[in-house]
Amino acid sequence: MHTLIKPSAAIRQNYTEIANLCKETGEPVFLTKNGEGDLVVMDIAVYDQREKQLELREKLIEIEELRKAGISDIPARTASANIRSLLKEHSNV
């Protein structure tokens, strides 16, 4: 990943250039203020993709922690069949 750094004034003066840079590279642009890191700007599609990846990683970590704790799981098809069976039982009551 190549770090793209711009002064904060660049966003006011060159919004389109920075937006295009984000879209073309798929990388965030780091904005500085008085020489210090201030903001990160990135393409919204890339941001959404990263958020989805983080959510998936969190779920996988949770599943792995449950597995390590010895909590068993069942295949999705089995769970779906069990739910259908329970719904069928309750509709016949």
PDB file of N, CA and C in Angstrom:
ATOM      1  N   MET A   1       0.849  -1.174   0.000  1.00  0.00           N
ATOM      2  CA  MET A   1       0.000   0.000   0.000  1.00  0.00           C
ATOM      3  C   MET A   1       0.892   1.233   0.000  1.00  0.00           C
ATOM      4  N   HIS A   2       0.665   2.100  -0.942  1.00  0.00           N
ATOM      5  CA  HIS A   2       1.410   3.341  -1.052  1.00  0.00           C
ATOM      6  C   HIS A   2       0.659   4.424  -0.294  1.00  0.00           C
ATOM      7  N   THR A   3       1.317   5.072   0.655  1.00  0.00           N
ATOM      8  CA  THR A   3       0.660   6.093   1.469  1.00  0.00           C
ATOM      9  C   THR A   3       0.589   7.402   0.703  1.00  0.00           C
ATOM     10  N   LEU A   4      -0.628   7.892   0.532  1.00  0.00           N
ATOM     11  CA  LEU A   4      -0.854   9.164  -0.153  1.00  0.00           C
ATOM     12  C   LEU A   4      -1.146  10.221   0.902  1.00  0.00           C
ATOM     13  N   ILE A   5      -0.299  11.258   0.950  1.00  0.00           N
ATOM     14  CA  ILE A   5      -0.437  12.300   1.961  1.00  0.00           C
ATOM     15  C   ILE A   5      -0.587  13.647   1.265  1.00  0.00           C
ATOM     16  N   LYS A   6      -1.567  14.413   1.704  1.00  0.00           N
ATOM     17  CA  LYS A   6      -1.825  15.748   1.146  1.00  0.00           C
ATOM     18  C   LYS A   6      -2.102  16.699   2.296  1.00  0.00           C
ATOM     19  N   PRO A   7      -1.804  17.998   2.105  1.00  0.00           N
ATOM     20  CA  PRO A   7      -2.192  18.980   3.125  1.00  0.00           C
ATOM     21  C   PRO A   7      -3.706  19.164   3.110  1.00  0.00           C
ATOM     22  N   SER A   8      -4.285  19.513   4.259  1.00  0.00           N
ATOM     23  CA  SER A   8      -5.745  19.646   4.345  1.00  0.00           C
ATOM     24  C   SER A   8      -6.287  20.684   3.367  1.00  0.00           C
ATOM     25  N   ALA A   9      -5.512  21.693   3.047  1.00  0.00           N
ATOM     26  CA  ALA A   9      -5.970  22.716   2.097  1.00  0.00           C
ATOM     27  C   ALA A   9      -6.249  22.101   0.729  1.00  0.00           C
ATOM     28  N   ALA A  10      -5.623  20.989   0.413  1.00  0.00           N
ATOM     29  CA  ALA A  10      -5.808  20.351  -0.889  1.00  0.00           C
ATOM     30  C   ALA A  10      -7.236  19.893  -1.090  1.00  0.00           C
ATOM     31  N   ILE A  11      -7.917  19.502  -0.036  1.00  0.00           N
ATOM     32  CA  ILE A  11      -9.301  19.030  -0.181  1.00  0.00           C
ATOM     33  C   ILE A  11     -10.215  20.179  -0.587  1.00  0.00           C
ATOM     34  N   ARG A  12      -9.936  21.370  -0.083  1.00  0.00           N
ATOM     35  CA  ARG A  12     -10.741  22.541  -0.459  1.00  0.00           C
ATOM     36  C   ARG A  12     -10.414  22.994  -1.875  1.00  0.00           C
ATOM     37  N   GLN A  13      -9.141  22.962  -2.207  1.00  0.00           N
ATOM     38  CA  GLN A  13      -8.695  23.489  -3.494  1.00  0.00           C
ATOM     39  C   GLN A  13      -8.825  22.473  -4.630  1.00  0.00           C
ATOM     40  N   ASN A  14      -8.679  21.197  -4.318  1.00  0.00           N
ATOM     41  CA  ASN A  14      -8.616  20.170  -5.367  1.00  0.00           C
ATOM     42  C   ASN A  14      -9.488  18.962  -5.039  1.00  0.00           C
ATOM     43  N   TYR A  15     -10.720  19.202  -4.639  1.00  0.00           N
ATOM     44  CA  TYR A  15     -11.598  18.101  -4.236  1.00  0.00           C
ATOM     45  C   TYR A  15     -11.668  17.024  -5.324  1.00  0.00           C
ATOM     46  N   THR A  16     -11.928  17.449  -6.564  1.00  0.00           N
ATOM     47  CA  THR A  16     -12.097  16.487  -7.654  1.00  0.00           C
ATOM     48  C   THR A  16     -10.828  15.670  -7.866  1.00  0.00           C
ATOM     49  N   GLU A  17      -9.676  16.312  -7.780  1.00  0.00           N
ATOM     50  CA  GLU A  17      -8.404  15.608  -7.951  1.00  0.00           C
ATOM     51  C   GLU A  17      -8.211  14.552  -6.863  1.00  0.00           C
ATOM     52  N   ILE A  18      -8.522  14.908  -5.629  1.00  0.00           N
ATOM     53  CA  ILE A  18      -8.361  13.955  -4.529  1.00  0.00           C
ATOM     54  C   ILE A  18      -9.393  12.832  -4.644  1.00  0.00           C
ATOM     55  N   ALA A  19     -10.630  13.177  -5.000  1.00  0.00           N
ATOM     56  CA  ALA A  19     -11.665  12.148  -5.181  1.00  0.00           C
ATOM     57  C   ALA A  19     -11.251  11.172  -6.279  1.00  0.00           C
ATOM     58  N   ASN A  20     -10.747  11.685  -7.380  1.00  0.00           N
ATOM     59  CA  ASN A  20     -10.295  10.817  -8.475  1.00  0.00           C
ATOM     60  C   ASN A  20      -9.118   9.955  -8.047  1.00  0.00           C
ATOM     61  N   LEU A  21      -8.213  10.529  -7.271  1.00  0.00           N
ATOM     62  CA  LEU A  21      -7.067   9.782  -6.774  1.00  0.00           C
ATOM     63  C   LEU A  21      -7.528   8.608  -5.910  1.00  0.00           C
ATOM     64  N   CYS A  22      -8.507   8.857  -5.050  1.00  0.00           N
ATOM     65  CA  CYS A  22      -9.053   7.790  -4.198  1.00  0.00           C
ATOM     66  C   CYS A  22      -9.694   6.698  -5.040  1.00  0.00           C
ATOM     67  N   LYS A  23     -10.481   7.102  -6.039  1.00  0.00           N
ATOM     68  CA  LYS A  23     -11.181   6.127  -6.879  1.00  0.00           C
ATOM     69  C   LYS A  23     -10.212   5.326  -7.741  1.00  0.00           C
ATOM     70  N   GLU A  24      -9.215   6.003  -8.313  1.00  0.00           N
ATOM     71  CA  GLU A  24      -8.271   5.345  -9.223  1.00  0.00           C
ATOM     72  C   GLU A  24      -7.345   4.379  -8.496  1.00  0.00           C
ATOM     73  N   THR A  25      -6.874   4.771  -7.329  1.00  0.00           N
ATOM     74  CA  THR A  25      -5.907   3.929  -6.620  1.00  0.00           C
ATOM     75  C   THR A  25      -6.566   2.934  -5.678  1.00  0.00           C
ATOM     76  N   GLY A  26      -7.793   3.248  -5.220  1.00  0.00           N
ATOM     77  CA  GLY A  26      -8.447   2.401  -4.219  1.00  0.00           C
ATOM     78  C   GLY A  26      -7.814   2.558  -2.852  1.00  0.00           C
ATOM     79  N   GLU A  27      -6.954   3.536  -2.711  1.00  0.00           N
ATOM     80  CA  GLU A  27      -6.244   3.767  -1.459  1.00  0.00           C
ATOM     81  C   GLU A  27      -6.773   5.019  -0.764  1.00  0.00           C
ATOM     82  N   PRO A  28      -6.681   5.072   0.556  1.00  0.00           N
ATOM     83  CA  PRO A  28      -7.070   6.284   1.273  1.00  0.00           C
ATOM     84  C   PRO A  28      -6.027   7.377   1.064  1.00  0.00           C
ATOM     85  N   VAL A  29      -6.475   8.616   1.183  1.00  0.00           N
ATOM     86  CA  VAL A  29      -5.574   9.764   1.147  1.00  0.00           C
ATOM     87  C   VAL A  29      -5.558  10.360   2.542  1.00  0.00           C
ATOM     88  N   PHE A  30      -4.379  10.516   3.105  1.00  0.00           N
ATOM     89  CA  PHE A  30      -4.216  11.068   4.443  1.00  0.00           C
ATOM     90  C   PHE A  30      -4.017  12.574   4.324  1.00  0.00           C
ATOM     91  N   LEU A  31      -4.831  13.331   5.045  1.00  0.00           N
ATOM     92  CA  LEU A  31      -4.729  14.782   5.025  1.00  0.00           C
ATOM     93  C   LEU A  31      -4.057  15.266   6.295  1.00  0.00           C
ATOM     94  N   THR A  32      -3.181  16.235   6.139  1.00  0.00           N
ATOM     95  CA  THR A  32      -2.477  16.787   7.291  1.00  0.00           C
ATOM     96  C   THR A  32      -2.931  18.213   7.547  1.00  0.00           C
ATOM     97  N   LYS A  33      -2.803  18.615   8.783  1.00  0.00           N
ATOM     98  CA  LYS A  33      -3.098  19.989   9.184  1.00  0.00           C
ATOM     99  C   LYS A  33      -1.926  20.444  10.041  1.00  0.00           C
ATOM    100  N   ASN A  34      -1.280  21.511   9.636  1.00  0.00           N
ATOM    101  CA  ASN A  34      -0.093  22.003  10.329  1.00  0.00           C
ATOM    102  C   ASN A  34       0.971  20.913  10.473  1.00  0.00           C
ATOM    103  N   GLY A  35       1.082  20.096   9.435  1.00  0.00           N
ATOM    104  CA  GLY A  35       2.109  19.067   9.422  1.00  0.00           C
ATOM    105  C   GLY A  35       1.792  17.806  10.211  1.00  0.00           C
ATOM    106  N   GLU A  36       0.621  17.763  10.820  1.00  0.00           N
ATOM    107  CA  GLU A  36       0.210  16.597  11.617  1.00  0.00           C
ATOM    108  C   GLU A  36      -0.939  15.878  10.917  1.00  0.00           C
ATOM    109  N   GLY A  37      -1.015  14.567  11.085  1.00  0.00           N
ATOM    110  CA  GLY A  37      -2.124  13.807  10.531  1.00  0.00           C
ATOM    111  C   GLY A  37      -3.441  14.319  11.089  1.00  0.00           C
ATOM    112  N   ASP A  38      -4.445  14.478  10.205  1.00  0.00           N
ATOM    113  CA  ASP A  38      -5.726  15.049  10.631  1.00  0.00           C
ATOM    114  C   ASP A  38      -6.914  14.201  10.191  1.00  0.00           C
ATOM    115  N   LEU A  39      -6.988  13.853   8.905  1.00  0.00           N
ATOM    116  CA  LEU A  39      -8.133  13.119   8.371  1.00  0.00           C
ATOM    117  C   LEU A  39      -7.682  12.085   7.347  1.00  0.00           C
ATOM    118  N   VAL A  40      -8.566  11.133   7.107  1.00  0.00           N
ATOM    119  CA  VAL A  40      -8.353  10.162   6.042  1.00  0.00           C
ATOM    120  C   VAL A  40      -9.567  10.236   5.130  1.00  0.00           C
ATOM    121  N   VAL A  41      -9.318  10.324   3.843  1.00  0.00           N
ATOM    122  CA  VAL A  41     -10.388  10.388   2.843  1.00  0.00           C
ATOM    123  C   VAL A  41     -10.251   9.163   1.949  1.00  0.00           C
ATOM    124  N   MET A  42     -11.376   8.494   1.690  1.00  0.00           N
ATOM    125  CA  MET A  42     -11.306   7.337   0.810  1.00  0.00           C
ATOM    126  C   MET A  42     -12.600   7.192   0.004  1.00  0.00           C
ATOM    127  N   ASP A  43     -12.506   6.443  -1.072  1.00  0.00           N
ATOM    128  CA  ASP A  43     -13.663   6.166  -1.920  1.00  0.00           C
ATOM    129  C   ASP A  43     -14.702   5.388  -1.119  1.00  0.00           C
ATOM    130  N   ILE A  44     -15.953   5.746  -1.272  1.00  0.00           N
ATOM    131  CA  ILE A  44     -17.004   5.129  -0.458  1.00  0.00           C
ATOM    132  C   ILE A  44     -17.171   3.641  -0.769  1.00  0.00           C
ATOM    133  N   ALA A  45     -16.958   3.243  -2.014  1.00  0.00           N
ATOM    134  CA  ALA A  45     -17.080   1.823  -2.360  1.00  0.00           C
ATOM    135  C   ALA A  45     -15.978   1.013  -1.662  1.00  0.00           C
ATOM    136  N   VAL A  46     -14.780   1.566  -1.611  1.00  0.00           N
ATOM    137  CA  VAL A  46     -13.667   0.898  -0.918  1.00  0.00           C
ATOM    138  C   VAL A  46     -13.958   0.840   0.576  1.00  0.00           C
ATOM    139  N   TYR A  47     -14.497   1.939   1.116  1.00  0.00           N
ATOM    140  CA  TYR A  47     -14.857   1.975   2.535  1.00  0.00           C
ATOM    141  C   TYR A  47     -15.895   0.892   2.846  1.00  0.00           C
ATOM    142  N   ASP A  48     -16.947   0.806   2.040  1.00  0.00           N
ATOM    143  CA  ASP A  48     -17.983  -0.208   2.254  1.00  0.00           C
ATOM    144  C   ASP A  48     -17.397  -1.615   2.208  1.00  0.00           C
ATOM    145  N   GLN A  49     -16.501  -1.855   1.249  1.00  0.00           N
ATOM    146  CA  GLN A  49     -15.868  -3.168   1.130  1.00  0.00           C
ATOM    147  C   GLN A  49     -15.047  -3.483   2.380  1.00  0.00           C
ATOM    148  N   ARG A  50     -14.301  -2.516   2.866  1.00  0.00           N
ATOM    149  CA  ARG A  50     -13.500  -2.733   4.078  1.00  0.00           C
ATOM    150  C   ARG A  50     -14.387  -3.001   5.282  1.00  0.00           C
ATOM    151  N   GLU A  51     -15.498  -2.285   5.387  1.00  0.00           N
ATOM    152  CA  GLU A  51     -16.427  -2.508   6.500  1.00  0.00           C
ATOM    153  C   GLU A  51     -16.997  -3.924   6.451  1.00  0.00           C
ATOM    154  N   LYS A  52     -17.364  -4.390   5.270  1.00  0.00           N
ATOM    155  CA  LYS A  52     -17.889  -5.748   5.130  1.00  0.00           C
ATOM    156  C   LYS A  52     -16.826  -6.780   5.497  1.00  0.00           C
ATOM    157  N   GLN A  53     -15.580  -6.526   5.093  1.00  0.00           N
ATOM    158  CA  GLN A  53     -14.498  -7.439   5.439  1.00  0.00           C
ATOM    159  C   GLN A  53     -14.287  -7.482   6.948  1.00  0.00           C
ATOM    160  N   LEU A  54     -14.361  -6.324   7.592  1.00  0.00           N
ATOM    161  CA  LEU A  54     -14.201  -6.279   9.052  1.00  0.00           C
ATOM    162  C   LEU A  54     -15.332  -7.031   9.753  1.00  0.00           C
ATOM    163  N   GLU A  55     -16.568  -6.853   9.267  1.00  0.00           N
ATOM    164  CA  GLU A  55     -17.706  -7.572   9.855  1.00  0.00           C
ATOM    165  C   GLU A  55     -17.507  -9.077   9.716  1.00  0.00           C
ATOM    166  N   LEU A  56     -17.073  -9.506   8.537  1.00  0.00           N
ATOM    167  CA  LEU A  56     -16.847 -10.933   8.307  1.00  0.00           C
ATOM    168  C   LEU A  56     -15.747 -11.458   9.224  1.00  0.00           C
ATOM    169  N   ARG A  57     -14.660 -10.707   9.363  1.00  0.00           N
ATOM    170  CA  ARG A  57     -13.583 -11.121  10.263  1.00  0.00           C
ATOM    171  C   ARG A  57     -14.067 -11.236  11.695  1.00  0.00           C
ATOM    172  N   GLU A  58     -14.894 -10.279  12.130  1.00  0.00           N
ATOM    173  CA  GLU A  58     -15.436 -10.337  13.490  1.00  0.00           C
ATOM    174  C   GLU A  58     -16.272 -11.590  13.688  1.00  0.00           C
ATOM    175  N   LYS A  59     -17.102 -11.924  12.700  1.00  0.00           N
ATOM    176  CA  LYS A  59     -17.936 -13.125  12.796  1.00  0.00           C
ATOM    177  C   LYS A  59     -17.072 -14.380  12.831  1.00  0.00           C
ATOM    178  N   LEU A  60     -16.043 -14.408  11.994  1.00  0.00           N
ATOM    179  CA  LEU A  60     -15.157 -15.574  11.972  1.00  0.00           C
ATOM    180  C   LEU A  60     -14.410 -15.734  13.291  1.00  0.00           C
ATOM    181  N   ILE A  61     -13.982 -14.619  13.857  1.00  0.00           N
ATOM    182  CA  ILE A  61     -13.298 -14.681  15.165  1.00  0.00           C
ATOM    183  C   ILE A  61     -14.264 -15.183  16.230  1.00  0.00           C
ATOM    184  N   GLU A  62     -15.497 -14.697  16.202  1.00  0.00           N
ATOM    185  CA  GLU A  62     -16.507 -15.143  17.172  1.00  0.00           C
ATOM    186  C   GLU A  62     -16.758 -16.647  17.029  1.00  0.00           C
ATOM    187  N   ILE A  63     -16.874 -17.109  15.800  1.00  0.00           N
ATOM    188  CA  ILE A  63     -17.096 -18.539  15.555  1.00  0.00           C
ATOM    189  C   ILE A  63     -15.902 -19.352  16.055  1.00  0.00           C
ATOM    190  N   GLU A  64     -14.697 -18.865  15.783  1.00  0.00           N
ATOM    191  CA  GLU A  64     -13.500 -19.579  16.236  1.00  0.00           C
ATOM    192  C   GLU A  64     -13.424 -19.618  17.757  1.00  0.00           C
ATOM    193  N   GLU A  65     -13.786 -18.519  18.415  1.00  0.00           N
ATOM    194  CA  GLU A  65     -13.788 -18.494  19.886  1.00  0.00           C
ATOM    195  C   GLU A  65     -14.808 -19.484  20.446  1.00  0.00           C
ATOM    196  N   LEU A  66     -15.983 -19.562  19.823  1.00  0.00           N
ATOM    197  CA  LEU A  66     -16.993 -20.533  20.254  1.00  0.00           C
ATOM    198  C   LEU A  66     -16.485 -21.956  20.063  1.00  0.00           C
ATOM    199  N   ARG A  67     -15.825 -22.193  18.925  1.00  0.00           N
ATOM    200  CA  ARG A  67     -15.286 -23.527  18.652  1.00  0.00           C
ATOM    201  C   ARG A  67     -14.237 -23.910  19.700  1.00  0.00           C
ATOM    202  N   LYS A  68     -13.358 -22.964  20.011  1.00  0.00           N
ATOM    203  CA  LYS A  68     -12.319 -23.230  21.011  1.00  0.00           C
ATOM    204  C   LYS A  68     -12.910 -23.449  22.391  1.00  0.00           C
ATOM    205  N   ALA A  69     -14.057 -22.827  22.659  1.00  0.00           N
ATOM    206  CA  ALA A  69     -14.714 -22.992  23.953  1.00  0.00           C
ATOM    207  C   ALA A  69     -15.482 -24.312  24.024  1.00  0.00           C
ATOM    208  N   GLY A  70     -15.490 -25.046  22.916  1.00  0.00           N
ATOM    209  CA  GLY A  70     -16.141 -26.347  22.908  1.00  0.00           C
ATOM    210  C   GLY A  70     -17.622 -26.306  22.603  1.00  0.00           C
ATOM    211  N   ILE A  71     -18.112 -25.166  22.173  1.00  0.00           N
ATOM    212  CA  ILE A  71     -19.527 -25.061  21.820  1.00  0.00           C
ATOM    213  C   ILE A  71     -19.694 -25.593  20.404  1.00  0.00           C
ATOM    214  N   SER A  72     -20.499 -26.631  20.287  1.00  0.00           N
ATOM    215  CA  SER A  72     -20.652 -27.257  18.978  1.00  0.00           C
ATOM    216  C   SER A  72     -21.663 -26.485  18.136  1.00  0.00           C
ATOM    217  N   ASP A  73     -21.519 -26.656  16.857  1.00  0.00           N
ATOM    218  CA  ASP A  73     -22.461 -26.030  15.939  1.00  0.00           C
ATOM    219  C   ASP A  73     -23.063 -27.120  15.063  1.00  0.00           C
ATOM    220  N   ILE A  74     -24.031 -26.722  14.270  1.00  0.00           N
ATOM    221  CA  ILE A  74     -24.635 -27.678  13.346  1.00  0.00           C
ATOM    222  C   ILE A  74     -24.636 -27.051  11.961  1.00  0.00           C
ATOM    223  N   PRO A  75     -24.622 -27.880  10.940  1.00  0.00           N
ATOM    224  CA  PRO A  75     -24.641 -27.344   9.580  1.00  0.00           C
ATOM    225  C   PRO A  75     -25.906 -26.517   9.331  1.00  0.00           C
ATOM    226  N   ALA A  76     -25.813 -25.530   8.473  1.00  0.00           N
ATOM    227  CA  ALA A  76     -26.943 -24.654   8.175  1.00  0.00           C
ATOM    228  C   ALA A  76     -28.145 -25.438   7.655  1.00  0.00           C
ATOM    229  N   ARG A  77     -27.898 -26.434   6.845  1.00  0.00           N
ATOM    230  CA  ARG A  77     -29.022 -27.236   6.311  1.00  0.00           C
ATOM    231  C   ARG A  77     -29.756 -27.964   7.422  1.00  0.00           C
ATOM    232  N   THR A  78     -29.009 -28.461   8.392  1.00  0.00           N
ATOM    233  CA  THR A  78     -29.626 -29.153   9.527  1.00  0.00           C
ATOM    234  C   THR A  78     -30.450 -28.167  10.348  1.00  0.00           C
ATOM    235  N   ALA A  79     -29.892 -26.977  10.592  1.00  0.00           N
ATOM    236  CA  ALA A  79     -30.616 -25.951  11.354  1.00  0.00           C
ATOM    237  C   ALA A  79     -31.891 -25.562  10.619  1.00  0.00           C
ATOM    238  N   SER A  80     -31.795 -25.401   9.311  1.00  0.00           N
ATOM    239  CA  SER A  80     -32.967 -25.037   8.508  1.00  0.00           C
ATOM    240  C   SER A  80     -34.030 -26.133   8.564  1.00  0.00           C
ATOM    241  N   ALA A  81     -33.601 -27.386   8.481  1.00  0.00           N
ATOM    242  CA  ALA A  81     -34.542 -28.512   8.555  1.00  0.00           C
ATOM    243  C   ALA A  81     -35.196 -28.566   9.925  1.00  0.00           C
ATOM    244  N   ASN A  82     -34.425 -28.312  10.988  1.00  0.00           N
ATOM    245  CA  ASN A  82     -34.980 -28.308  12.343  1.00  0.00           C
ATOM    246  C   ASN A  82     -36.025 -27.204  12.507  1.00  0.00           C
ATOM    247  N   ILE A  83     -35.743 -26.048  11.962  1.00  0.00           N
ATOM    248  CA  ILE A  83     -36.699 -24.929  12.053  1.00  0.00           C
ATOM    249  C   ILE A  83     -37.976 -25.255  11.295  1.00  0.00           C
ATOM    250  N   ARG A  84     -37.827 -25.811  10.086  1.00  0.00           N
ATOM    251  CA  ARG A  84     -39.019 -26.194   9.312  1.00  0.00           C
ATOM    252  C   ARG A  84     -39.852 -27.222  10.069  1.00  0.00           C
ATOM    253  N   SER A  85     -39.173 -28.176  10.693  1.00  0.00           N
ATOM    254  CA  SER A  85     -39.861 -29.210  11.449  1.00  0.00           C
ATOM    255  C   SER A  85     -40.636 -28.613  12.623  1.00  0.00           C
ATOM    256  N   LEU A  86     -39.991 -27.697  13.349  1.00  0.00           N
ATOM    257  CA  LEU A  86     -40.669 -27.049  14.478  1.00  0.00           C
ATOM    258  C   LEU A  86     -41.862 -26.215  14.015  1.00  0.00           C
ATOM    259  N   LEU A  87     -41.693 -25.506  12.913  1.00  0.00           N
ATOM    260  CA  LEU A  87     -42.809 -24.715  12.388  1.00  0.00           C
ATOM    261  C   LEU A  87     -43.966 -25.603  11.961  1.00  0.00           C
ATOM    262  N   LYS A  88     -43.634 -26.719  11.376  1.00  0.00           N
ATOM    263  CA  LYS A  88     -44.656 -27.660  10.933  1.00  0.00           C
ATOM    264  C   LYS A  88     -45.409 -28.234  12.133  1.00  0.00           C
ATOM    265  N   GLU A  89     -44.658 -28.569  13.202  1.00  0.00           N
ATOM    266  CA  GLU A  89     -45.287 -29.091  14.425  1.00  0.00           C
ATOM    267  C   GLU A  89     -46.260 -28.066  15.023  1.00  0.00           C
ATOM    268  N   HIS A  90     -45.819 -26.809  15.075  1.00  0.00           N
ATOM    269  CA  HIS A  90     -46.663 -25.769  15.674  1.00  0.00           C
ATOM    270  C   HIS A  90     -47.873 -25.435  14.797  1.00  0.00           C
ATOM    271  N   SER A  91     -47.758 -25.614  13.499  1.00  0.00           N
ATOM    272  CA  SER A  91     -48.912 -25.319  12.646  1.00  0.00           C
ATOM    273  C   SER A  91     -49.941 -26.438  12.706  1.00  0.00           C
ATOM    274  N   ASN A  92     -49.535 -27.641  13.135  1.00  0.00           N
ATOM    275  CA  ASN A  92     -50.455 -28.775  13.266  1.00  0.00           C
ATOM    276  C   ASN A  92     -51.120 -28.818  14.637  1.00  0.00           C
ATOM    277  N   VAL A  93     -50.702 -27.985  15.543  1.00  0.00           N
ATOM    278  CA  VAL A  93     -51.240 -28.025  16.902  1.00  0.00           C
ATOM    279  C   VAL A  93     -52.565 -27.367  16.982  1.00  0.00           C
TER     280      VAL A  93
END
